Amino acid sequence: MTATERAVELAVIAARAASDRKAEEIIALDVSEQLVLTDVFLIASGSSERQVSAIVDAVEEAMYKAGSKPIRREGKQEARWVLLDFGDVVVHVQHAEDRVYYALERLWKDCPVVELPEDARGGDGTADDTARGDGAIRLSGEPLA
């Protein structure tokens, strides 16, 4: 089983919203094989608590416009690691320091990467696929660089 089309669509919407707020290293992982509660984890980084908060606000607004409201939100007050649960998609927005420390990409390294369009990858438009360092395969079948 792979992530549903709707989950991928919502992940792209959330990723574009995060990218618009200059989120870094945006990556989407298809966790549908490992979890029954969600299909996609979207992970993005901000360089400060203020930026993390702005990214979260933008993601929530974009997802609301797409017809998806968060089921659960955690960590917004501290703005170090904010989790937004939209059902099919769970968005993790982390402060860059916390992202390095918790290394969610390594924890979920067995999950395929969901290909995001260039305008949804954050930073300069390129995701750091080598951060996983595991030779994972994209859903499109192409190996990660």
N, C-alpha and C. Protein backbone atom coordinates (compact mmCIF):
# COMPACT_ATOMS: atom_id res chain seq x y z
N MET A 1 0.84 -1.18 0.00
CA MET A 1 0.00 0.00 0.00
C MET A 1 0.89 1.25 0.00
N THR A 2 0.50 2.23 -0.76
CA THR A 2 1.22 3.50 -0.76
C THR A 2 0.27 4.61 -0.35
N ALA A 3 0.83 5.78 -0.13
CA ALA A 3 0.04 6.93 0.27
C ALA A 3 -1.04 7.21 -0.76
N THR A 4 -2.20 7.65 -0.27
CA THR A 4 -3.30 7.97 -1.17
C THR A 4 -2.98 9.22 -1.98
N GLU A 5 -3.67 9.35 -3.08
CA GLU A 5 -3.50 10.53 -3.93
C GLU A 5 -3.82 11.81 -3.15
N ARG A 6 -4.87 11.76 -2.34
CA ARG A 6 -5.26 12.93 -1.54
C ARG A 6 -4.17 13.28 -0.53
N ALA A 7 -3.56 12.28 0.10
CA ALA A 7 -2.49 12.54 1.06
C ALA A 7 -1.30 13.22 0.39
N VAL A 8 -0.94 12.74 -0.79
CA VAL A 8 0.17 13.35 -1.53
C VAL A 8 -0.18 14.78 -1.93
N GLU A 9 -1.42 14.99 -2.39
CA GLU A 9 -1.87 16.33 -2.76
C GLU A 9 -1.79 17.28 -1.56
N LEU A 10 -2.25 16.84 -0.40
CA LEU A 10 -2.19 17.67 0.80
C LEU A 10 -0.75 17.93 1.24
N ALA A 11 0.11 16.93 1.09
CA ALA A 11 1.52 17.10 1.45
C ALA A 11 2.16 18.17 0.58
N VAL A 12 1.84 18.18 -0.71
CA VAL A 12 2.37 19.20 -1.62
C VAL A 12 1.85 20.59 -1.23
N ILE A 13 0.57 20.68 -0.89
CA ILE A 13 0.00 21.96 -0.47
C ILE A 13 0.71 22.47 0.78
N ALA A 14 0.90 21.59 1.76
CA ALA A 14 1.59 21.98 2.99
C ALA A 14 3.04 22.34 2.72
N ALA A 15 3.71 21.59 1.85
CA ALA A 15 5.11 21.86 1.53
C ALA A 15 5.27 23.21 0.83
N ARG A 16 4.36 23.52 -0.08
CA ARG A 16 4.43 24.82 -0.77
C ARG A 16 4.22 25.97 0.22
N ALA A 17 3.29 25.80 1.15
CA ALA A 17 3.05 26.84 2.16
C ALA A 17 4.29 27.02 3.03
N ALA A 18 4.92 25.92 3.41
CA ALA A 18 6.15 26.00 4.21
C ALA A 18 7.27 26.66 3.42
N SER A 19 7.39 26.28 2.17
CA SER A 19 8.42 26.86 1.31
C SER A 19 8.24 28.36 1.12
N ASP A 20 6.98 28.80 1.04
CA ASP A 20 6.69 30.23 0.91
C ASP A 20 7.18 31.01 2.12
N ARG A 21 7.32 30.35 3.26
CA ARG A 21 7.82 30.99 4.48
C ARG A 21 9.30 30.67 4.70
N LYS A 22 9.96 30.27 3.62
CA LYS A 22 11.41 30.00 3.61
C LYS A 22 11.83 28.84 4.51
N ALA A 23 10.95 27.84 4.65
CA ALA A 23 11.33 26.63 5.37
C ALA A 23 12.48 25.96 4.64
N GLU A 24 13.31 25.27 5.37
CA GLU A 24 14.47 24.58 4.80
C GLU A 24 14.25 23.07 4.82
N GLU A 25 14.94 22.38 3.92
CA GLU A 25 14.99 20.92 3.90
C GLU A 25 13.62 20.27 4.04
N ILE A 26 12.70 20.66 3.20
CA ILE A 26 11.36 20.07 3.23
C ILE A 26 11.41 18.70 2.58
N ILE A 27 10.91 17.71 3.30
CA ILE A 27 10.90 16.34 2.78
C ILE A 27 9.57 15.70 3.17
N ALA A 28 9.04 14.88 2.28
CA ALA A 28 7.82 14.13 2.54
C ALA A 28 8.14 12.65 2.47
N LEU A 29 7.68 11.91 3.47
CA LEU A 29 7.93 10.48 3.53
C LEU A 29 6.61 9.71 3.53
N ASP A 30 6.54 8.68 2.72
CA ASP A 30 5.36 7.82 2.68
C ASP A 30 5.49 6.80 3.81
N VAL A 31 4.72 7.02 4.88
CA VAL A 31 4.79 6.15 6.06
C VAL A 31 3.59 5.19 6.11
N SER A 32 2.85 5.09 5.01
CA SER A 32 1.62 4.30 5.00
C SER A 32 1.85 2.81 5.27
N GLU A 33 3.02 2.29 4.93
CA GLU A 33 3.33 0.88 5.19
C GLU A 33 3.60 0.63 6.67
N GLN A 34 4.13 1.63 7.38
CA GLN A 34 4.50 1.46 8.78
C GLN A 34 3.43 1.92 9.77
N LEU A 35 2.59 2.85 9.37
CA LEU A 35 1.58 3.41 10.27
C LEU A 35 0.18 3.27 9.69
N VAL A 36 -0.79 3.01 10.54
CA VAL A 36 -2.16 2.95 10.08
C VAL A 36 -2.87 4.29 10.27
N LEU A 37 -2.26 5.18 11.03
CA LEU A 37 -2.92 6.44 11.37
C LEU A 37 -2.74 7.55 10.34
N THR A 38 -1.71 7.45 9.51
CA THR A 38 -1.44 8.51 8.54
C THR A 38 -0.71 7.92 7.34
N ASP A 39 -0.68 8.67 6.25
CA ASP A 39 0.01 8.20 5.03
C ASP A 39 1.34 8.89 4.80
N VAL A 40 1.41 10.19 5.13
CA VAL A 40 2.60 10.97 4.80
C VAL A 40 3.06 11.79 6.00
N PHE A 41 4.36 11.77 6.25
CA PHE A 41 5.00 12.72 7.17
C PHE A 41 5.65 13.78 6.30
N LEU A 42 5.36 15.04 6.59
CA LEU A 42 6.05 16.15 5.95
C LEU A 42 6.92 16.78 7.02
N ILE A 43 8.20 16.94 6.73
CA ILE A 43 9.14 17.50 7.70
C ILE A 43 9.76 18.74 7.10
N ALA A 44 9.79 19.83 7.88
CA ALA A 44 10.37 21.10 7.43
C ALA A 44 11.08 21.74 8.61
N SER A 45 12.05 22.60 8.30
CA SER A 45 12.83 23.27 9.34
C SER A 45 12.73 24.77 9.24
N GLY A 46 12.81 25.42 10.40
CA GLY A 46 12.93 26.87 10.49
C GLY A 46 14.14 27.21 11.33
N SER A 47 14.71 28.38 11.08
CA SER A 47 15.95 28.75 11.78
C SER A 47 15.72 29.43 13.12
N SER A 48 14.47 29.77 13.44
CA SER A 48 14.16 30.41 14.72
C SER A 48 12.75 30.03 15.12
N GLU A 49 12.42 30.26 16.39
CA GLU A 49 11.07 29.97 16.86
C GLU A 49 10.05 30.81 16.10
N ARG A 50 10.41 32.03 15.80
CA ARG A 50 9.51 32.92 15.07
C ARG A 50 9.23 32.37 13.66
N GLN A 51 10.27 31.89 13.00
CA GLN A 51 10.07 31.33 11.67
C GLN A 51 9.26 30.03 11.73
N VAL A 52 9.54 29.18 12.72
CA VAL A 52 8.77 27.94 12.88
C VAL A 52 7.29 28.29 13.02
N SER A 53 7.00 29.28 13.84
CA SER A 53 5.62 29.72 14.05
C SER A 53 4.98 30.22 12.75
N ALA A 54 5.73 31.00 11.99
CA ALA A 54 5.22 31.52 10.71
C ALA A 54 4.96 30.39 9.72
N ILE A 55 5.83 29.41 9.69
CA ILE A 55 5.65 28.25 8.81
C ILE A 55 4.38 27.50 9.20
N VAL A 56 4.20 27.28 10.49
CA VAL A 56 3.02 26.57 10.99
C VAL A 56 1.74 27.32 10.60
N ASP A 57 1.73 28.63 10.80
CA ASP A 57 0.56 29.43 10.45
C ASP A 57 0.24 29.33 8.96
N ALA A 58 1.27 29.38 8.12
CA ALA A 58 1.07 29.30 6.67
C ALA A 58 0.55 27.92 6.27
N VAL A 59 1.08 26.88 6.87
CA VAL A 59 0.63 25.52 6.56
C VAL A 59 -0.83 25.35 6.97
N GLU A 60 -1.17 25.80 8.17
CA GLU A 60 -2.56 25.67 8.64
C GLU A 60 -3.53 26.42 7.72
N GLU A 61 -3.14 27.61 7.30
CA GLU A 61 -4.00 28.40 6.42
C GLU A 61 -4.20 27.72 5.07
N ALA A 62 -3.10 27.23 4.48
CA ALA A 62 -3.19 26.56 3.18
C ALA A 62 -4.00 25.27 3.27
N MET A 63 -3.81 24.53 4.32
CA MET A 63 -4.55 23.28 4.48
C MET A 63 -6.04 23.55 4.72
N TYR A 64 -6.34 24.59 5.46
CA TYR A 64 -7.73 24.97 5.70
C TYR A 64 -8.42 25.31 4.37
N LYS A 65 -7.71 26.07 3.52
CA LYS A 65 -8.25 26.42 2.20
C LYS A 65 -8.45 25.18 1.34
N ALA A 66 -7.66 24.15 1.58
CA ALA A 66 -7.78 22.90 0.83
C ALA A 66 -8.83 21.97 1.44
N GLY A 67 -9.49 22.44 2.50
CA GLY A 67 -10.54 21.66 3.13
C GLY A 67 -10.08 20.70 4.20
N SER A 68 -8.90 20.92 4.74
CA SER A 68 -8.36 20.03 5.77
C SER A 68 -8.04 20.82 7.04
N LYS A 69 -8.67 20.42 8.13
CA LYS A 69 -8.42 21.07 9.43
C LYS A 69 -7.57 20.14 10.28
N PRO A 70 -6.72 20.72 11.13
CA PRO A 70 -5.90 19.85 11.99
C PRO A 70 -6.75 19.11 13.02
N ILE A 71 -6.48 17.82 13.16
CA ILE A 71 -7.14 17.01 14.18
C ILE A 71 -6.47 17.30 15.52
N ARG A 72 -5.16 17.53 15.45
CA ARG A 72 -4.37 17.76 16.67
C ARG A 72 -3.21 18.67 16.33
N ARG A 73 -2.85 19.51 17.28
CA ARG A 73 -1.69 20.40 17.13
C ARG A 73 -0.92 20.36 18.45
N GLU A 74 0.38 20.15 18.36
CA GLU A 74 1.21 20.11 19.56
C GLU A 74 2.46 20.94 19.35
N GLY A 75 2.91 21.62 20.40
CA GLY A 75 4.18 22.33 20.38
C GLY A 75 4.15 23.75 19.86
N LYS A 76 2.98 24.28 19.53
CA LYS A 76 2.90 25.61 18.92
C LYS A 76 3.44 26.70 19.85
N GLN A 77 3.15 26.59 21.14
CA GLN A 77 3.57 27.63 22.08
C GLN A 77 5.10 27.74 22.17
N GLU A 78 5.78 26.61 22.20
CA GLU A 78 7.24 26.64 22.29
C GLU A 78 7.88 26.92 20.94
N ALA A 79 7.23 26.49 19.88
CA ALA A 79 7.70 26.69 18.50
C ALA A 79 9.11 26.15 18.26
N ARG A 80 9.39 25.00 18.85
CA ARG A 80 10.66 24.31 18.60
C ARG A 80 10.40 23.09 17.70
N TRP A 81 9.35 22.35 18.01
CA TRP A 81 8.91 21.23 17.21
C TRP A 81 7.39 21.24 17.26
N VAL A 82 6.79 21.62 16.16
CA VAL A 82 5.33 21.69 16.09
C VAL A 82 4.85 20.53 15.23
N LEU A 83 3.87 19.81 15.76
CA LEU A 83 3.27 18.70 15.04
C LEU A 83 1.84 19.09 14.69
N LEU A 84 1.51 19.01 13.42
CA LEU A 84 0.16 19.28 12.93
C LEU A 84 -0.37 17.99 12.32
N ASP A 85 -1.43 17.43 12.90
CA ASP A 85 -2.00 16.18 12.42
C ASP A 85 -3.25 16.50 11.62
N PHE A 86 -3.18 16.27 10.31
CA PHE A 86 -4.31 16.49 9.42
C PHE A 86 -4.97 15.17 8.99
N GLY A 87 -4.68 14.11 9.71
CA GLY A 87 -5.24 12.80 9.36
C GLY A 87 -4.37 12.08 8.36
N ASP A 88 -4.55 12.37 7.08
CA ASP A 88 -3.76 11.72 6.03
C ASP A 88 -2.31 12.18 6.01
N VAL A 89 -2.09 13.38 6.53
CA VAL A 89 -0.75 13.97 6.53
C VAL A 89 -0.44 14.50 7.93
N VAL A 90 0.75 14.21 8.42
CA VAL A 90 1.24 14.78 9.67
C VAL A 90 2.43 15.66 9.32
N VAL A 91 2.33 16.94 9.69
CA VAL A 91 3.38 17.91 9.39
C VAL A 91 4.21 18.14 10.64
N HIS A 92 5.52 17.99 10.49
CA HIS A 92 6.46 18.28 11.57
C HIS A 92 7.25 19.52 11.15
N VAL A 93 7.13 20.59 11.90
CA VAL A 93 7.95 21.78 11.64
C VAL A 93 8.88 21.91 12.84
N GLN A 94 10.17 21.78 12.57
CA GLN A 94 11.15 21.76 13.65
C GLN A 94 12.14 22.91 13.51
N HIS A 95 12.59 23.39 14.67
CA HIS A 95 13.72 24.31 14.68
C HIS A 95 14.90 23.51 14.13
N ALA A 96 15.74 24.15 13.34
CA ALA A 96 16.85 23.45 12.67
C ALA A 96 17.71 22.65 13.65
N GLU A 97 17.97 23.20 14.84
CA GLU A 97 18.79 22.49 15.83
C GLU A 97 18.09 21.21 16.29
N ASP A 98 16.79 21.28 16.52
CA ASP A 98 16.04 20.11 16.96
C ASP A 98 15.94 19.07 15.86
N ARG A 99 15.88 19.53 14.63
CA ARG A 99 15.80 18.58 13.51
C ARG A 99 17.06 17.74 13.43
N VAL A 100 18.20 18.37 13.62
CA VAL A 100 19.45 17.63 13.61
C VAL A 100 19.49 16.64 14.78
N TYR A 101 19.06 17.08 15.94
CA TYR A 101 19.10 16.24 17.14
C TYR A 101 18.18 15.02 17.02
N TYR A 102 16.92 15.24 16.61
CA TYR A 102 15.95 14.15 16.57
C TYR A 102 16.02 13.31 15.30
N ALA A 103 16.51 13.87 14.22
CA ALA A 103 16.80 13.13 12.97
C ALA A 103 15.65 12.21 12.54
N LEU A 104 14.48 12.78 12.35
CA LEU A 104 13.33 11.98 11.93
C LEU A 104 13.57 11.24 10.63
N GLU A 105 14.34 11.84 9.72
CA GLU A 105 14.62 11.18 8.44
C GLU A 105 15.33 9.84 8.66
N ARG A 106 16.23 9.80 9.61
CA ARG A 106 16.94 8.54 9.88
C ARG A 106 16.01 7.53 10.57
N LEU A 107 15.14 8.03 11.44
CA LEU A 107 14.20 7.15 12.13
C LEU A 107 13.26 6.47 11.15
N TRP A 108 12.85 7.20 10.11
CA TRP A 108 11.91 6.68 9.11
C TRP A 108 12.61 6.38 7.80
N LYS A 109 13.89 6.01 7.84
CA LYS A 109 14.69 5.82 6.64
C LYS A 109 14.19 4.71 5.73
N ASP A 110 13.42 3.79 6.24
CA ASP A 110 12.89 2.69 5.42
C ASP A 110 11.68 3.11 4.59
N CYS A 111 11.20 4.32 4.81
CA CYS A 111 10.01 4.80 4.10
C CYS A 111 10.42 5.53 2.82
N PRO A 112 9.68 5.30 1.74
CA PRO A 112 10.01 5.99 0.49
C PRO A 112 9.75 7.49 0.59
N VAL A 113 10.51 8.24 -0.16
CA VAL A 113 10.34 9.69 -0.24
C VAL A 113 9.24 10.00 -1.25
N VAL A 114 8.37 10.92 -0.89
CA VAL A 114 7.34 11.40 -1.81
C VAL A 114 7.96 12.55 -2.59
N GLU A 115 7.97 12.44 -3.89
CA GLU A 115 8.55 13.48 -4.74
C GLU A 115 7.74 14.77 -4.61
N LEU A 116 8.42 15.85 -4.26
CA LEU A 116 7.79 17.16 -4.16
C LEU A 116 8.21 18.02 -5.34
N PRO A 117 7.30 18.86 -5.84
CA PRO A 117 7.70 19.77 -6.92
C PRO A 117 8.78 20.73 -6.43
N GLU A 118 9.54 21.27 -7.36
CA GLU A 118 10.66 22.14 -7.01
C GLU A 118 10.25 23.30 -6.11
N ASP A 119 9.08 23.89 -6.34
CA ASP A 119 8.65 25.03 -5.55
C ASP A 119 8.15 24.65 -4.15
N ALA A 120 8.21 23.37 -3.81
CA ALA A 120 7.75 22.90 -2.50
C ALA A 120 8.86 22.26 -1.69
N ARG A 121 10.11 22.45 -2.12
CA ARG A 121 11.23 21.78 -1.44
C ARG A 121 11.94 22.65 -0.42
N GLY A 122 11.61 23.93 -0.39
CA GLY A 122 12.21 24.81 0.62
C GLY A 122 13.55 25.37 0.22
N GLY A 123 13.96 26.37 0.96
CA GLY A 123 15.27 26.99 0.73
C GLY A 123 15.43 27.48 -0.68
N ASP A 124 16.43 26.96 -1.37
CA ASP A 124 16.72 27.40 -2.74
C ASP A 124 16.00 26.54 -3.78
N GLY A 125 15.01 25.76 -3.34
CA GLY A 125 14.26 24.93 -4.28
C GLY A 125 14.78 23.52 -4.41
N THR A 126 15.79 23.18 -3.61
CA THR A 126 16.31 21.82 -3.64
C THR A 126 16.29 21.25 -2.24
N ALA A 127 15.81 20.05 -2.13
CA ALA A 127 15.82 19.37 -0.83
C ALA A 127 17.16 18.67 -0.68
N ASP A 128 17.61 18.56 0.55
CA ASP A 128 18.86 17.86 0.82
C ASP A 128 18.57 16.38 0.99
N ASP A 129 18.44 15.68 -0.13
CA ASP A 129 18.11 14.26 -0.09
C ASP A 129 19.22 13.44 0.54
N THR A 130 20.43 13.94 0.54
CA THR A 130 21.53 13.18 1.11
C THR A 130 21.47 13.16 2.62
N ALA A 131 20.61 13.96 3.24
CA ALA A 131 20.49 13.98 4.69
C ALA A 131 20.07 12.60 5.20
N ARG A 132 19.33 11.86 4.39
CA ARG A 132 18.91 10.52 4.81
C ARG A 132 20.08 9.55 4.73
N GLY A 133 20.93 9.71 3.73
CA GLY A 133 22.13 8.90 3.59
C GLY A 133 21.89 7.40 3.59
N ASP A 134 20.77 6.95 3.00
CA ASP A 134 20.46 5.54 3.08
C ASP A 134 20.22 4.88 1.72
N GLY A 135 20.42 5.63 0.63
CA GLY A 135 20.20 5.07 -0.68
C GLY A 135 18.73 4.77 -0.96
N ALA A 136 17.83 5.47 -0.28
CA ALA A 136 16.40 5.22 -0.43
C ALA A 136 15.94 5.48 -1.86
N ILE A 137 14.81 4.93 -2.19
CA ILE A 137 14.24 5.07 -3.52
C ILE A 137 13.02 5.99 -3.44
N ARG A 138 12.93 6.92 -4.37
CA ARG A 138 11.76 7.78 -4.45
C ARG A 138 10.57 6.96 -4.93
N LEU A 139 9.36 7.46 -4.67
CA LEU A 139 8.17 6.77 -5.16
C LEU A 139 8.19 6.68 -6.68
N SER A 140 8.85 7.63 -7.33
CA SER A 140 8.91 7.61 -8.78
C SER A 140 9.86 6.51 -9.29
N GLY A 141 10.59 5.87 -8.36
CA GLY A 141 11.47 4.80 -8.75
C GLY A 141 12.92 5.23 -8.96
N GLU A 142 13.17 6.54 -8.87
CA GLU A 142 14.53 7.03 -9.05
C GLU A 142 15.27 6.99 -7.73
N PRO A 143 16.55 6.57 -7.73
CA PRO A 143 17.30 6.59 -6.48
C PRO A 143 17.58 8.03 -6.05
N LEU A 144 17.68 8.22 -4.75
CA LEU A 144 18.05 9.53 -4.24
C LEU A 144 19.49 9.83 -4.60
N ALA A 145 19.79 11.09 -4.85
CA ALA A 145 21.16 11.47 -5.21
C ALA A 145 22.06 11.39 -3.99
